[in-house]
Amino acid sequence: MFSIPIFPLPNVVLFPNVFLPLHIFEPRYRQMVGDALQGDRIIGMVLLRPGHDAEHEERPPIYPLGCSGLITHVERLEDGHYNLILRGLEKFTVESEEPPDARLYRTAVISQLDDGLKAGERDELRQLRGTLLKLLTPMITGAIQARLPDAMPDEDLVNALAQYLAFDPPEKLALLQQQGPLSRCRAMVELLEMKTMQQSGTDRGTLH
């Protein structure tokens, strides 16, 4: 277990080995980025629980599952804001939040979680990749397609789709919660099949 700064957002879920662009403007998170750049460049992304005013509450509640990210690119703007790129590193669970101190941002003690492929899972994941892409053919936009090169490893593709597709934040968190890329891919196939059936039912209702 170790401590990292956490960045709670209401609608962003980061996945391992996926890139996330961020614009940082709030003073507390500008301080967080400045401190991270002087250290190991790692930030923990967590999802805010709904029903709370994150802008006015000092420490609104968060879900305990998150993903650490490494700042790979950074641009500091003249007004002190930052544009940065975060690359997902590892899933973690928040064990406890550290008490407030002189820092404006929140920090937490975390435990890392294994999210890799297990022995014997690669062949099944390769087959499921084909099923997943068939389901997604009518849904993938050009912008998403540009982020998904054909040579992308299966596990990275699954994580990228989980992050980039227009799932609701709780659905993305449920995908992150899955134990590894194979389980995540199965869950995503089921989720997409359910959404396809719901859309089909809506279309039939419209016709009548």
N, C-alpha and C. Protein backbone atom coordinates (compact mmCIF):
# COMPACT_ATOMS: atom_id res chain seq x y z
N MET A 1 0.85 -1.19 0.00
CA MET A 1 0.00 0.00 0.00
C MET A 1 0.88 1.24 0.00
N PHE A 2 0.41 2.27 -0.68
CA PHE A 2 1.13 3.53 -0.70
C PHE A 2 0.14 4.65 -1.01
N SER A 3 0.62 5.88 -0.89
CA SER A 3 -0.24 7.05 -1.02
C SER A 3 -0.05 7.73 -2.37
N ILE A 4 -1.17 8.16 -2.99
CA ILE A 4 -1.11 8.94 -4.22
C ILE A 4 -2.16 10.05 -4.16
N PRO A 5 -1.96 11.11 -4.94
CA PRO A 5 -3.03 12.12 -5.06
C PRO A 5 -4.19 11.53 -5.86
N ILE A 6 -5.41 11.90 -5.51
CA ILE A 6 -6.56 11.40 -6.26
C ILE A 6 -7.30 12.57 -6.90
N PHE A 7 -7.81 12.30 -8.09
CA PHE A 7 -8.52 13.30 -8.89
C PHE A 7 -9.93 12.77 -9.13
N PRO A 8 -10.90 13.18 -8.31
CA PRO A 8 -12.28 12.68 -8.49
C PRO A 8 -13.02 13.49 -9.55
N LEU A 9 -13.67 12.78 -10.47
CA LEU A 9 -14.50 13.42 -11.49
C LEU A 9 -15.84 12.67 -11.57
N PRO A 10 -16.90 13.36 -12.01
CA PRO A 10 -18.22 12.73 -12.03
C PRO A 10 -18.48 11.83 -13.24
N ASN A 11 -17.63 11.91 -14.26
CA ASN A 11 -17.97 11.22 -15.51
C ASN A 11 -16.77 10.61 -16.22
N VAL A 12 -15.66 10.43 -15.54
CA VAL A 12 -14.44 9.91 -16.17
C VAL A 12 -13.97 8.66 -15.44
N VAL A 13 -13.75 7.58 -16.20
CA VAL A 13 -13.16 6.36 -15.66
C VAL A 13 -11.95 6.02 -16.53
N LEU A 14 -10.80 5.90 -15.90
CA LEU A 14 -9.55 5.58 -16.60
C LEU A 14 -9.30 4.08 -16.54
N PHE A 15 -8.78 3.53 -17.66
CA PHE A 15 -8.45 2.10 -17.74
C PHE A 15 -6.96 1.92 -17.99
N PRO A 16 -6.41 0.78 -17.55
CA PRO A 16 -4.97 0.54 -17.74
C PRO A 16 -4.55 0.63 -19.21
N ASN A 17 -3.45 1.32 -19.42
CA ASN A 17 -2.80 1.46 -20.73
C ASN A 17 -3.64 2.21 -21.76
N VAL A 18 -4.57 3.04 -21.29
CA VAL A 18 -5.38 3.89 -22.17
C VAL A 18 -5.03 5.34 -21.87
N PHE A 19 -5.04 6.18 -22.90
CA PHE A 19 -4.66 7.58 -22.74
C PHE A 19 -5.89 8.45 -22.48
N LEU A 20 -5.72 9.44 -21.62
CA LEU A 20 -6.81 10.34 -21.25
C LEU A 20 -6.30 11.78 -21.30
N PRO A 21 -6.85 12.62 -22.20
CA PRO A 21 -6.50 14.04 -22.19
C PRO A 21 -7.29 14.79 -21.12
N LEU A 22 -6.64 15.69 -20.43
CA LEU A 22 -7.28 16.46 -19.37
C LEU A 22 -6.87 17.93 -19.46
N HIS A 23 -7.83 18.79 -19.16
CA HIS A 23 -7.54 20.22 -19.01
C HIS A 23 -7.71 20.57 -17.54
N ILE A 24 -6.67 21.02 -16.91
CA ILE A 24 -6.67 21.27 -15.47
C ILE A 24 -6.74 22.77 -15.22
N PHE A 25 -7.78 23.21 -14.51
CA PHE A 25 -7.94 24.65 -14.27
C PHE A 25 -8.22 25.01 -12.82
N GLU A 26 -8.81 24.09 -12.04
CA GLU A 26 -9.09 24.42 -10.64
C GLU A 26 -7.78 24.54 -9.86
N PRO A 27 -7.69 25.52 -8.93
CA PRO A 27 -6.44 25.71 -8.18
C PRO A 27 -5.95 24.45 -7.47
N ARG A 28 -6.87 23.68 -6.87
CA ARG A 28 -6.42 22.48 -6.12
C ARG A 28 -5.79 21.45 -7.05
N TYR A 29 -6.33 21.34 -8.26
CA TYR A 29 -5.78 20.33 -9.17
C TYR A 29 -4.58 20.87 -9.94
N ARG A 30 -4.49 22.17 -10.09
CA ARG A 30 -3.25 22.74 -10.61
C ARG A 30 -2.11 22.48 -9.63
N GLN A 31 -2.40 22.62 -8.33
CA GLN A 31 -1.39 22.30 -7.31
C GLN A 31 -1.03 20.82 -7.37
N MET A 32 -2.04 19.97 -7.53
CA MET A 32 -1.81 18.53 -7.61
C MET A 32 -0.90 18.18 -8.77
N VAL A 33 -1.16 18.75 -9.95
CA VAL A 33 -0.33 18.46 -11.12
C VAL A 33 1.09 18.99 -10.91
N GLY A 34 1.20 20.20 -10.36
CA GLY A 34 2.54 20.74 -10.10
C GLY A 34 3.35 19.86 -9.17
N ASP A 35 2.71 19.36 -8.11
CA ASP A 35 3.41 18.46 -7.18
C ASP A 35 3.77 17.13 -7.86
N ALA A 36 2.83 16.61 -8.66
CA ALA A 36 3.09 15.34 -9.34
C ALA A 36 4.26 15.46 -10.31
N LEU A 37 4.36 16.59 -11.00
CA LEU A 37 5.44 16.79 -11.96
C LEU A 37 6.80 16.87 -11.27
N GLN A 38 6.80 17.27 -10.01
CA GLN A 38 8.06 17.31 -9.25
C GLN A 38 8.38 15.95 -8.61
N GLY A 39 7.43 15.01 -8.69
CA GLY A 39 7.63 13.69 -8.11
C GLY A 39 7.58 12.61 -9.17
N ASP A 40 6.72 11.60 -8.95
CA ASP A 40 6.68 10.44 -9.86
C ASP A 40 5.70 10.60 -11.01
N ARG A 41 5.02 11.75 -11.10
CA ARG A 41 4.08 12.07 -12.20
C ARG A 41 2.84 11.18 -12.20
N ILE A 42 2.50 10.60 -11.05
CA ILE A 42 1.35 9.68 -10.97
C ILE A 42 0.18 10.34 -10.26
N ILE A 43 -1.02 10.16 -10.83
CA ILE A 43 -2.28 10.65 -10.28
C ILE A 43 -3.27 9.50 -10.29
N GLY A 44 -4.10 9.41 -9.28
CA GLY A 44 -5.14 8.39 -9.23
C GLY A 44 -6.49 8.95 -9.65
N MET A 45 -7.09 8.38 -10.69
CA MET A 45 -8.41 8.82 -11.15
C MET A 45 -9.48 7.98 -10.46
N VAL A 46 -10.47 8.66 -9.86
CA VAL A 46 -11.58 7.99 -9.20
C VAL A 46 -12.88 8.67 -9.61
N LEU A 47 -13.97 7.92 -9.48
CA LEU A 47 -15.28 8.41 -9.89
C LEU A 47 -16.05 8.91 -8.67
N LEU A 48 -16.61 10.11 -8.80
CA LEU A 48 -17.46 10.65 -7.74
C LEU A 48 -18.78 9.90 -7.67
N ARG A 49 -19.26 9.70 -6.48
CA ARG A 49 -20.61 9.14 -6.32
C ARG A 49 -21.64 10.19 -6.71
N PRO A 50 -22.74 9.79 -7.36
CA PRO A 50 -23.74 10.77 -7.78
C PRO A 50 -24.52 11.32 -6.59
N GLY A 51 -25.18 12.46 -6.83
CA GLY A 51 -26.03 13.05 -5.80
C GLY A 51 -25.31 13.98 -4.86
N HIS A 52 -24.08 14.36 -5.21
CA HIS A 52 -23.32 15.26 -4.35
C HIS A 52 -22.79 16.41 -5.18
N ASP A 53 -22.65 17.56 -4.59
CA ASP A 53 -22.18 18.76 -5.27
C ASP A 53 -20.66 18.84 -5.13
N ALA A 54 -19.97 18.32 -6.13
CA ALA A 54 -18.51 18.27 -6.06
C ALA A 54 -17.89 19.65 -6.07
N GLU A 55 -18.59 20.62 -6.63
CA GLU A 55 -18.03 21.96 -6.72
C GLU A 55 -18.01 22.66 -5.37
N HIS A 56 -19.01 22.35 -4.53
CA HIS A 56 -19.13 23.07 -3.27
C HIS A 56 -18.81 22.21 -2.04
N GLU A 57 -18.87 20.89 -2.18
CA GLU A 57 -18.48 20.02 -1.07
C GLU A 57 -16.97 19.87 -1.06
N GLU A 58 -16.38 19.95 0.11
CA GLU A 58 -14.93 19.89 0.20
C GLU A 58 -14.39 18.50 -0.15
N ARG A 59 -15.05 17.45 0.33
CA ARG A 59 -14.59 16.09 0.06
C ARG A 59 -15.80 15.21 -0.27
N PRO A 60 -16.41 15.41 -1.44
CA PRO A 60 -17.57 14.59 -1.80
C PRO A 60 -17.17 13.12 -1.90
N PRO A 61 -18.09 12.19 -1.60
CA PRO A 61 -17.74 10.76 -1.58
C PRO A 61 -17.38 10.23 -2.96
N ILE A 62 -16.49 9.26 -2.95
CA ILE A 62 -16.00 8.63 -4.18
C ILE A 62 -16.23 7.13 -4.11
N TYR A 63 -16.22 6.50 -5.29
CA TYR A 63 -16.17 5.04 -5.33
C TYR A 63 -14.74 4.60 -5.00
N PRO A 64 -14.57 3.46 -4.33
CA PRO A 64 -13.23 3.06 -3.90
C PRO A 64 -12.35 2.49 -4.99
N LEU A 65 -12.94 2.18 -6.16
CA LEU A 65 -12.16 1.60 -7.25
C LEU A 65 -11.68 2.70 -8.18
N GLY A 66 -10.41 2.66 -8.56
CA GLY A 66 -9.88 3.65 -9.47
C GLY A 66 -8.73 3.09 -10.29
N CYS A 67 -8.08 3.98 -11.03
CA CYS A 67 -6.93 3.57 -11.85
C CYS A 67 -5.89 4.68 -11.79
N SER A 68 -4.66 4.31 -11.51
CA SER A 68 -3.58 5.30 -11.50
C SER A 68 -3.18 5.63 -12.93
N GLY A 69 -2.66 6.84 -13.10
CA GLY A 69 -2.22 7.27 -14.42
C GLY A 69 -0.91 8.03 -14.35
N LEU A 70 -0.11 7.90 -15.38
CA LEU A 70 1.18 8.58 -15.48
C LEU A 70 1.05 9.77 -16.43
N ILE A 71 1.47 10.93 -15.99
CA ILE A 71 1.47 12.11 -16.86
C ILE A 71 2.58 11.92 -17.89
N THR A 72 2.19 11.71 -19.16
CA THR A 72 3.18 11.47 -20.21
C THR A 72 3.49 12.72 -21.01
N HIS A 73 2.52 13.62 -21.12
CA HIS A 73 2.72 14.88 -21.84
C HIS A 73 2.05 15.99 -21.04
N VAL A 74 2.66 17.16 -21.02
CA VAL A 74 2.09 18.27 -20.27
C VAL A 74 2.42 19.58 -20.95
N GLU A 75 1.44 20.47 -20.96
CA GLU A 75 1.62 21.83 -21.47
C GLU A 75 1.07 22.79 -20.43
N ARG A 76 1.92 23.66 -19.92
CA ARG A 76 1.46 24.68 -18.98
C ARG A 76 1.12 25.94 -19.74
N LEU A 77 -0.10 26.42 -19.55
CA LEU A 77 -0.58 27.59 -20.28
C LEU A 77 -0.23 28.87 -19.53
N GLU A 78 -0.35 29.99 -20.21
CA GLU A 78 0.03 31.27 -19.62
C GLU A 78 -0.79 31.62 -18.39
N ASP A 79 -2.05 31.14 -18.34
CA ASP A 79 -2.92 31.45 -17.19
C ASP A 79 -2.72 30.48 -16.03
N GLY A 80 -1.74 29.59 -16.14
CA GLY A 80 -1.47 28.64 -15.07
C GLY A 80 -2.21 27.34 -15.20
N HIS A 81 -3.12 27.25 -16.18
CA HIS A 81 -3.83 25.99 -16.43
C HIS A 81 -2.87 24.99 -17.09
N TYR A 82 -3.28 23.71 -17.10
CA TYR A 82 -2.48 22.67 -17.75
C TYR A 82 -3.34 21.91 -18.76
N ASN A 83 -2.72 21.55 -19.87
CA ASN A 83 -3.23 20.49 -20.74
C ASN A 83 -2.28 19.32 -20.57
N LEU A 84 -2.83 18.16 -20.28
CA LEU A 84 -1.95 17.02 -20.09
C LEU A 84 -2.57 15.73 -20.63
N ILE A 85 -1.72 14.77 -20.83
CA ILE A 85 -2.14 13.42 -21.24
C ILE A 85 -1.75 12.46 -20.13
N LEU A 86 -2.72 11.68 -19.69
CA LEU A 86 -2.50 10.68 -18.65
C LEU A 86 -2.59 9.30 -19.29
N ARG A 87 -1.64 8.43 -18.99
CA ARG A 87 -1.73 7.05 -19.47
C ARG A 87 -2.05 6.14 -18.30
N GLY A 88 -3.13 5.38 -18.43
CA GLY A 88 -3.53 4.48 -17.36
C GLY A 88 -2.46 3.48 -17.01
N LEU A 89 -2.24 3.28 -15.71
CA LEU A 89 -1.22 2.33 -15.25
C LEU A 89 -1.86 1.09 -14.64
N GLU A 90 -2.38 1.23 -13.41
CA GLU A 90 -2.88 0.05 -12.69
C GLU A 90 -4.17 0.36 -11.94
N LYS A 91 -5.03 -0.64 -11.90
CA LYS A 91 -6.22 -0.54 -11.07
C LYS A 91 -5.83 -0.52 -9.60
N PHE A 92 -6.65 0.16 -8.80
CA PHE A 92 -6.39 0.15 -7.37
C PHE A 92 -7.71 0.26 -6.62
N THR A 93 -7.63 -0.05 -5.34
CA THR A 93 -8.75 0.20 -4.44
C THR A 93 -8.27 1.15 -3.35
N VAL A 94 -9.12 2.09 -3.00
CA VAL A 94 -8.80 3.06 -1.96
C VAL A 94 -9.00 2.40 -0.60
N GLU A 95 -7.95 2.29 0.17
CA GLU A 95 -8.03 1.71 1.51
C GLU A 95 -8.49 2.76 2.52
N SER A 96 -7.98 3.99 2.36
CA SER A 96 -8.38 5.08 3.25
C SER A 96 -7.92 6.39 2.64
N GLU A 97 -8.63 7.45 2.98
CA GLU A 97 -8.17 8.78 2.58
C GLU A 97 -7.34 9.38 3.70
N GLU A 98 -6.32 10.10 3.33
CA GLU A 98 -5.47 10.74 4.32
C GLU A 98 -6.14 12.02 4.82
N PRO A 99 -5.92 12.38 6.08
CA PRO A 99 -6.54 13.59 6.63
C PRO A 99 -6.12 14.84 5.86
N PRO A 100 -6.97 15.85 5.82
CA PRO A 100 -6.61 17.10 5.15
C PRO A 100 -5.33 17.68 5.74
N ASP A 101 -4.53 18.30 4.87
CA ASP A 101 -3.32 18.98 5.34
C ASP A 101 -3.18 20.28 4.56
N ALA A 102 -1.97 20.76 4.42
CA ALA A 102 -1.77 22.05 3.74
C ALA A 102 -2.07 21.97 2.24
N ARG A 103 -2.09 20.75 1.70
CA ARG A 103 -2.39 20.61 0.28
C ARG A 103 -3.87 20.86 0.02
N LEU A 104 -4.17 21.42 -1.14
CA LEU A 104 -5.55 21.70 -1.50
C LEU A 104 -6.28 20.46 -2.01
N TYR A 105 -5.55 19.48 -2.51
CA TYR A 105 -6.15 18.30 -3.12
C TYR A 105 -6.16 17.12 -2.16
N ARG A 106 -6.87 16.07 -2.56
CA ARG A 106 -7.02 14.88 -1.70
C ARG A 106 -5.96 13.83 -2.04
N THR A 107 -5.56 13.08 -1.03
CA THR A 107 -4.65 11.96 -1.22
C THR A 107 -5.25 10.73 -0.54
N ALA A 108 -4.85 9.57 -1.02
CA ALA A 108 -5.42 8.33 -0.48
C ALA A 108 -4.36 7.25 -0.42
N VAL A 109 -4.52 6.35 0.53
CA VAL A 109 -3.70 5.14 0.61
C VAL A 109 -4.40 4.08 -0.23
N ILE A 110 -3.69 3.50 -1.18
CA ILE A 110 -4.30 2.57 -2.13
C ILE A 110 -3.58 1.22 -2.11
N SER A 111 -4.30 0.20 -2.57
CA SER A 111 -3.72 -1.12 -2.85
C SER A 111 -3.89 -1.41 -4.33
N GLN A 112 -2.84 -1.80 -5.00
CA GLN A 112 -2.91 -2.12 -6.41
C GLN A 112 -3.63 -3.45 -6.62
N LEU A 113 -4.33 -3.56 -7.76
CA LEU A 113 -5.08 -4.76 -8.09
C LEU A 113 -4.55 -5.35 -9.39
N ASP A 114 -4.39 -6.65 -9.44
CA ASP A 114 -3.93 -7.32 -10.65
C ASP A 114 -5.04 -7.26 -11.70
N ASP A 115 -4.69 -6.82 -12.91
CA ASP A 115 -5.69 -6.72 -13.98
C ASP A 115 -5.17 -7.33 -15.28
N GLY A 116 -4.18 -8.20 -15.18
CA GLY A 116 -3.60 -8.77 -16.39
C GLY A 116 -4.30 -10.04 -16.86
N LEU A 117 -3.93 -10.45 -18.06
CA LEU A 117 -4.44 -11.72 -18.59
C LEU A 117 -3.82 -12.88 -17.82
N LYS A 118 -4.63 -13.88 -17.55
CA LYS A 118 -4.13 -15.06 -16.87
C LYS A 118 -3.74 -16.12 -17.90
N ALA A 119 -2.97 -17.09 -17.46
CA ALA A 119 -2.51 -18.16 -18.35
C ALA A 119 -3.71 -18.85 -18.99
N GLY A 120 -3.63 -19.04 -20.30
CA GLY A 120 -4.68 -19.76 -21.01
C GLY A 120 -5.86 -18.90 -21.46
N GLU A 121 -5.84 -17.59 -21.16
CA GLU A 121 -6.99 -16.74 -21.52
C GLU A 121 -6.84 -16.06 -22.89
N ARG A 122 -5.64 -16.04 -23.45
CA ARG A 122 -5.42 -15.23 -24.64
C ARG A 122 -6.22 -15.72 -25.84
N ASP A 123 -6.32 -17.03 -26.04
CA ASP A 123 -7.06 -17.55 -27.21
C ASP A 123 -8.53 -17.17 -27.14
N GLU A 124 -9.13 -17.30 -25.97
CA GLU A 124 -10.54 -16.95 -25.84
C GLU A 124 -10.74 -15.45 -26.04
N LEU A 125 -9.81 -14.64 -25.54
CA LEU A 125 -9.93 -13.20 -25.72
C LEU A 125 -9.82 -12.85 -27.20
N ARG A 126 -8.96 -13.52 -27.93
CA ARG A 126 -8.82 -13.28 -29.37
C ARG A 126 -10.14 -13.55 -30.09
N GLN A 127 -10.81 -14.64 -29.72
CA GLN A 127 -12.10 -14.96 -30.34
C GLN A 127 -13.17 -13.92 -29.98
N LEU A 128 -13.18 -13.52 -28.72
CA LEU A 128 -14.17 -12.54 -28.28
C LEU A 128 -13.93 -11.18 -28.91
N ARG A 129 -12.68 -10.88 -29.25
CA ARG A 129 -12.38 -9.61 -29.93
C ARG A 129 -13.19 -9.51 -31.22
N GLY A 130 -13.24 -10.62 -31.98
CA GLY A 130 -14.01 -10.62 -33.23
C GLY A 130 -15.49 -10.38 -32.97
N THR A 131 -16.04 -11.03 -31.95
CA THR A 131 -17.45 -10.83 -31.61
C THR A 131 -17.71 -9.38 -31.22
N LEU A 132 -16.81 -8.83 -30.43
CA LEU A 132 -16.95 -7.45 -29.96
C LEU A 132 -16.94 -6.47 -31.13
N LEU A 133 -16.01 -6.66 -32.06
CA LEU A 133 -15.89 -5.72 -33.17
C LEU A 133 -17.08 -5.82 -34.12
N LYS A 134 -17.66 -7.01 -34.26
CA LYS A 134 -18.87 -7.14 -35.09
C LYS A 134 -20.02 -6.36 -34.47
N LEU A 135 -20.17 -6.44 -33.16
CA LEU A 135 -21.22 -5.69 -32.48
C LEU A 135 -21.02 -4.19 -32.63
N LEU A 136 -19.75 -3.79 -32.70
CA LEU A 136 -19.43 -2.36 -32.68
C LEU A 136 -19.36 -1.72 -34.06
N THR A 137 -19.36 -2.52 -35.12
CA THR A 137 -19.20 -1.97 -36.47
C THR A 137 -20.11 -0.79 -36.75
N PRO A 138 -21.41 -0.86 -36.42
CA PRO A 138 -22.27 0.30 -36.71
C PRO A 138 -22.12 1.44 -35.72
N MET A 139 -21.36 1.23 -34.65
CA MET A 139 -21.31 2.22 -33.58
C MET A 139 -20.02 3.03 -33.54
N ILE A 140 -18.93 2.47 -34.06
CA ILE A 140 -17.63 3.12 -33.91
C ILE A 140 -17.52 4.32 -34.84
N THR A 141 -17.27 5.48 -34.28
CA THR A 141 -17.09 6.70 -35.07
C THR A 141 -15.66 6.78 -35.58
N GLY A 142 -15.45 7.70 -36.52
CA GLY A 142 -14.11 7.88 -37.06
C GLY A 142 -13.11 8.28 -36.00
N ALA A 143 -13.56 9.11 -35.04
CA ALA A 143 -12.65 9.56 -33.99
C ALA A 143 -12.18 8.40 -33.14
N ILE A 144 -13.10 7.49 -32.81
CA ILE A 144 -12.73 6.31 -32.02
C ILE A 144 -11.86 5.38 -32.85
N GLN A 145 -12.22 5.17 -34.12
CA GLN A 145 -11.47 4.27 -34.99
C GLN A 145 -10.01 4.70 -35.09
N ALA A 146 -9.78 6.02 -35.11
CA ALA A 146 -8.41 6.53 -35.23
C ALA A 146 -7.56 6.17 -34.02
N ARG A 147 -8.22 5.90 -32.87
CA ARG A 147 -7.48 5.56 -31.65
C ARG A 147 -7.27 4.05 -31.51
N LEU A 148 -7.75 3.28 -32.49
CA LEU A 148 -7.73 1.82 -32.35
C LEU A 148 -7.00 1.19 -33.53
N PRO A 149 -5.68 1.26 -33.57
CA PRO A 149 -4.95 0.63 -34.68
C PRO A 149 -5.18 -0.88 -34.71
N ASP A 150 -5.13 -1.44 -35.93
CA ASP A 150 -5.41 -2.87 -36.10
C ASP A 150 -4.44 -3.74 -35.30
N ALA A 151 -3.20 -3.25 -35.11
CA ALA A 151 -2.19 -4.05 -34.41
C ALA A 151 -2.30 -3.94 -32.89
N MET A 152 -3.29 -3.21 -32.38
CA MET A 152 -3.41 -3.04 -30.93
C MET A 152 -3.64 -4.39 -30.26
N PRO A 153 -2.88 -4.72 -29.21
CA PRO A 153 -3.11 -5.98 -28.51
C PRO A 153 -4.54 -6.09 -28.00
N ASP A 154 -5.03 -7.32 -27.91
CA ASP A 154 -6.43 -7.55 -27.55
C ASP A 154 -6.80 -6.88 -26.23
N GLU A 155 -5.96 -7.04 -25.21
CA GLU A 155 -6.29 -6.49 -23.90
C GLU A 155 -6.34 -4.96 -23.92
N ASP A 156 -5.45 -4.35 -24.73
CA ASP A 156 -5.45 -2.88 -24.83
C ASP A 156 -6.69 -2.40 -25.59
N LEU A 157 -7.09 -3.16 -26.61
CA LEU A 157 -8.30 -2.80 -27.36
C LEU A 157 -9.53 -2.83 -26.46
N VAL A 158 -9.65 -3.88 -25.66
CA VAL A 158 -10.79 -3.99 -24.75
C VAL A 158 -10.83 -2.81 -23.80
N ASN A 159 -9.69 -2.48 -23.21
CA ASN A 159 -9.65 -1.37 -22.27
C ASN A 159 -9.94 -0.03 -22.96
N ALA A 160 -9.42 0.15 -24.17
CA ALA A 160 -9.66 1.39 -24.90
C ALA A 160 -11.15 1.55 -25.24
N LEU A 161 -11.78 0.47 -25.68
CA LEU A 161 -13.20 0.55 -25.99
C LEU A 161 -14.03 0.84 -24.74
N ALA A 162 -13.65 0.21 -23.63
CA ALA A 162 -14.37 0.46 -22.38
C ALA A 162 -14.31 1.92 -21.99
N GLN A 163 -13.18 2.57 -22.30
CA GLN A 163 -13.02 3.97 -21.93
C GLN A 163 -13.63 4.93 -22.95
N TYR A 164 -13.46 4.63 -24.24
CA TYR A 164 -13.84 5.60 -25.27
C TYR A 164 -15.30 5.53 -25.69
N LEU A 165 -15.93 4.36 -25.58
CA LEU A 165 -17.33 4.25 -26.00
C LEU A 165 -18.24 5.02 -25.05
N ALA A 166 -19.41 5.38 -25.55
CA ALA A 166 -20.32 6.26 -24.80
C ALA A 166 -21.16 5.50 -23.78
N PHE A 167 -20.49 4.76 -22.92
CA PHE A 167 -21.19 4.12 -21.80
C PHE A 167 -21.40 5.14 -20.69
N ASP A 168 -22.42 4.91 -19.88
CA ASP A 168 -22.62 5.76 -18.70
C ASP A 168 -21.48 5.51 -17.70
N PRO A 169 -21.15 6.52 -16.88
CA PRO A 169 -20.06 6.32 -15.90
C PRO A 169 -20.24 5.07 -15.02
N PRO A 170 -21.44 4.76 -14.50
CA PRO A 170 -21.56 3.53 -13.69
C PRO A 170 -21.28 2.27 -14.52
N GLU A 171 -21.63 2.30 -15.81
CA GLU A 171 -21.34 1.14 -16.66
C GLU A 171 -19.83 1.01 -16.87
N LYS A 172 -19.15 2.13 -17.05
CA LYS A 172 -17.69 2.08 -17.20
C LYS A 172 -17.03 1.59 -15.92
N LEU A 173 -17.53 2.04 -14.79
CA LEU A 173 -16.96 1.59 -13.52
C LEU A 173 -17.18 0.09 -13.35
N ALA A 174 -18.34 -0.41 -13.76
CA ALA A 174 -18.61 -1.85 -13.68
C ALA A 174 -17.66 -2.63 -14.58
N LEU A 175 -17.30 -2.05 -15.73
CA LEU A 175 -16.33 -2.71 -16.62
C LEU A 175 -14.93 -2.71 -16.00
N LEU A 176 -14.55 -1.59 -15.40
CA LEU A 176 -13.25 -1.54 -14.72
C LEU A 176 -13.19 -2.56 -13.59
N GLN A 177 -14.32 -2.80 -12.97
CA GLN A 177 -14.40 -3.71 -11.82
C GLN A 177 -14.14 -5.16 -12.22
N GLN A 178 -14.35 -5.49 -13.48
CA GLN A 178 -14.13 -6.86 -13.94
C GLN A 178 -12.68 -7.28 -13.72
N GLN A 179 -12.48 -8.55 -13.43
CA GLN A 179 -11.15 -9.04 -13.09
C GLN A 179 -10.38 -9.43 -14.35
N GLY A 180 -9.83 -8.44 -15.01
CA GLY A 180 -8.99 -8.68 -16.16
C GLY A 180 -9.68 -8.46 -17.49
N PRO A 181 -8.90 -8.39 -18.57
CA PRO A 181 -9.44 -8.07 -19.90
C PRO A 181 -10.46 -9.08 -20.42
N LEU A 182 -10.26 -10.37 -20.16
CA LEU A 182 -11.20 -11.36 -20.67
C LEU A 182 -12.57 -11.19 -20.04
N SER A 183 -12.62 -11.08 -18.73
CA SER A 183 -13.88 -10.85 -18.03
C SER A 183 -14.50 -9.53 -18.47
N ARG A 184 -13.67 -8.52 -18.69
CA ARG A 184 -14.17 -7.20 -19.14
C ARG A 184 -14.76 -7.30 -20.54
N CYS A 185 -14.11 -8.07 -21.40
CA CYS A 185 -14.60 -8.22 -22.76
C CYS A 185 -15.95 -8.96 -22.76
N ARG A 186 -16.06 -10.01 -21.96
CA ARG A 186 -17.35 -10.71 -21.85
C ARG A 186 -18.45 -9.76 -21.40
N ALA A 187 -18.14 -8.97 -20.36
CA ALA A 187 -19.13 -8.05 -19.82
C ALA A 187 -19.52 -6.99 -20.85
N MET A 188 -18.54 -6.53 -21.65
CA MET A 188 -18.84 -5.52 -22.66
C MET A 188 -19.70 -6.10 -23.78
N VAL A 189 -19.43 -7.33 -24.18
CA VAL A 189 -20.27 -7.99 -25.18
C VAL A 189 -21.71 -8.09 -24.68
N GLU A 190 -21.88 -8.51 -23.44
CA GLU A 190 -23.23 -8.62 -22.87
C GLU A 190 -23.92 -7.26 -22.81
N LEU A 191 -23.16 -6.23 -22.43
CA LEU A 191 -23.73 -4.89 -22.32
C LEU A 191 -24.16 -4.38 -23.70
N LEU A 192 -23.32 -4.60 -24.71
CA LEU A 192 -23.64 -4.13 -26.05
C LEU A 192 -24.82 -4.91 -26.64
N GLU A 193 -24.87 -6.22 -26.38
CA GLU A 193 -26.02 -7.01 -26.86
C GLU A 193 -27.31 -6.52 -26.23
N MET A 194 -27.26 -6.19 -24.94
CA MET A 194 -28.45 -5.68 -24.26
C MET A 194 -28.86 -4.33 -24.86
N LYS A 195 -27.90 -3.45 -25.11
CA LYS A 195 -28.22 -2.15 -25.68
C LYS A 195 -28.77 -2.29 -27.10
N THR A 196 -28.23 -3.25 -27.86
CA THR A 196 -28.74 -3.49 -29.22
C THR A 196 -30.18 -3.97 -29.18
N MET A 197 -30.49 -4.87 -28.25
CA MET A 197 -31.87 -5.36 -28.10
C MET A 197 -32.80 -4.24 -27.68
N GLN A 198 -32.35 -3.39 -26.76
CA GLN A 198 -33.18 -2.27 -26.32
C GLN A 198 -33.44 -1.31 -27.46
N GLN A 199 -32.40 -1.03 -28.26
CA GLN A 199 -32.56 -0.13 -29.39
C GLN A 199 -33.50 -0.72 -30.43
N SER A 200 -33.37 -2.03 -30.66
CA SER A 200 -34.25 -2.71 -31.61
C SER A 200 -35.70 -2.62 -31.16
N GLY A 201 -35.94 -2.81 -29.85
CA GLY A 201 -37.29 -2.71 -29.31
C GLY A 201 -37.85 -1.30 -29.45
N THR A 202 -37.00 -0.30 -29.24
CA THR A 202 -37.42 1.08 -29.39
C THR A 202 -37.79 1.39 -30.83
N ASP A 203 -36.97 0.88 -31.75
CA ASP A 203 -37.25 1.11 -33.18
C ASP A 203 -38.56 0.48 -33.59
N ARG A 204 -38.83 -0.74 -33.11
CA ARG A 204 -40.10 -1.40 -33.45
C ARG A 204 -41.27 -0.61 -32.88
N GLY A 205 -41.09 -0.09 -31.66
CA GLY A 205 -42.15 0.70 -31.06
C GLY A 205 -42.41 1.96 -31.86
N THR A 206 -41.36 2.54 -32.40
CA THR A 206 -41.50 3.75 -33.21
C THR A 206 -42.29 3.46 -34.48
N LEU A 207 -42.01 2.30 -35.08
CA LEU A 207 -42.70 1.93 -36.33
C LEU A 207 -44.20 1.75 -36.11
N HIS A 208 -44.59 1.25 -34.95
CA HIS A 208 -46.00 1.04 -34.68
C HIS A 208 -46.65 2.33 -34.21
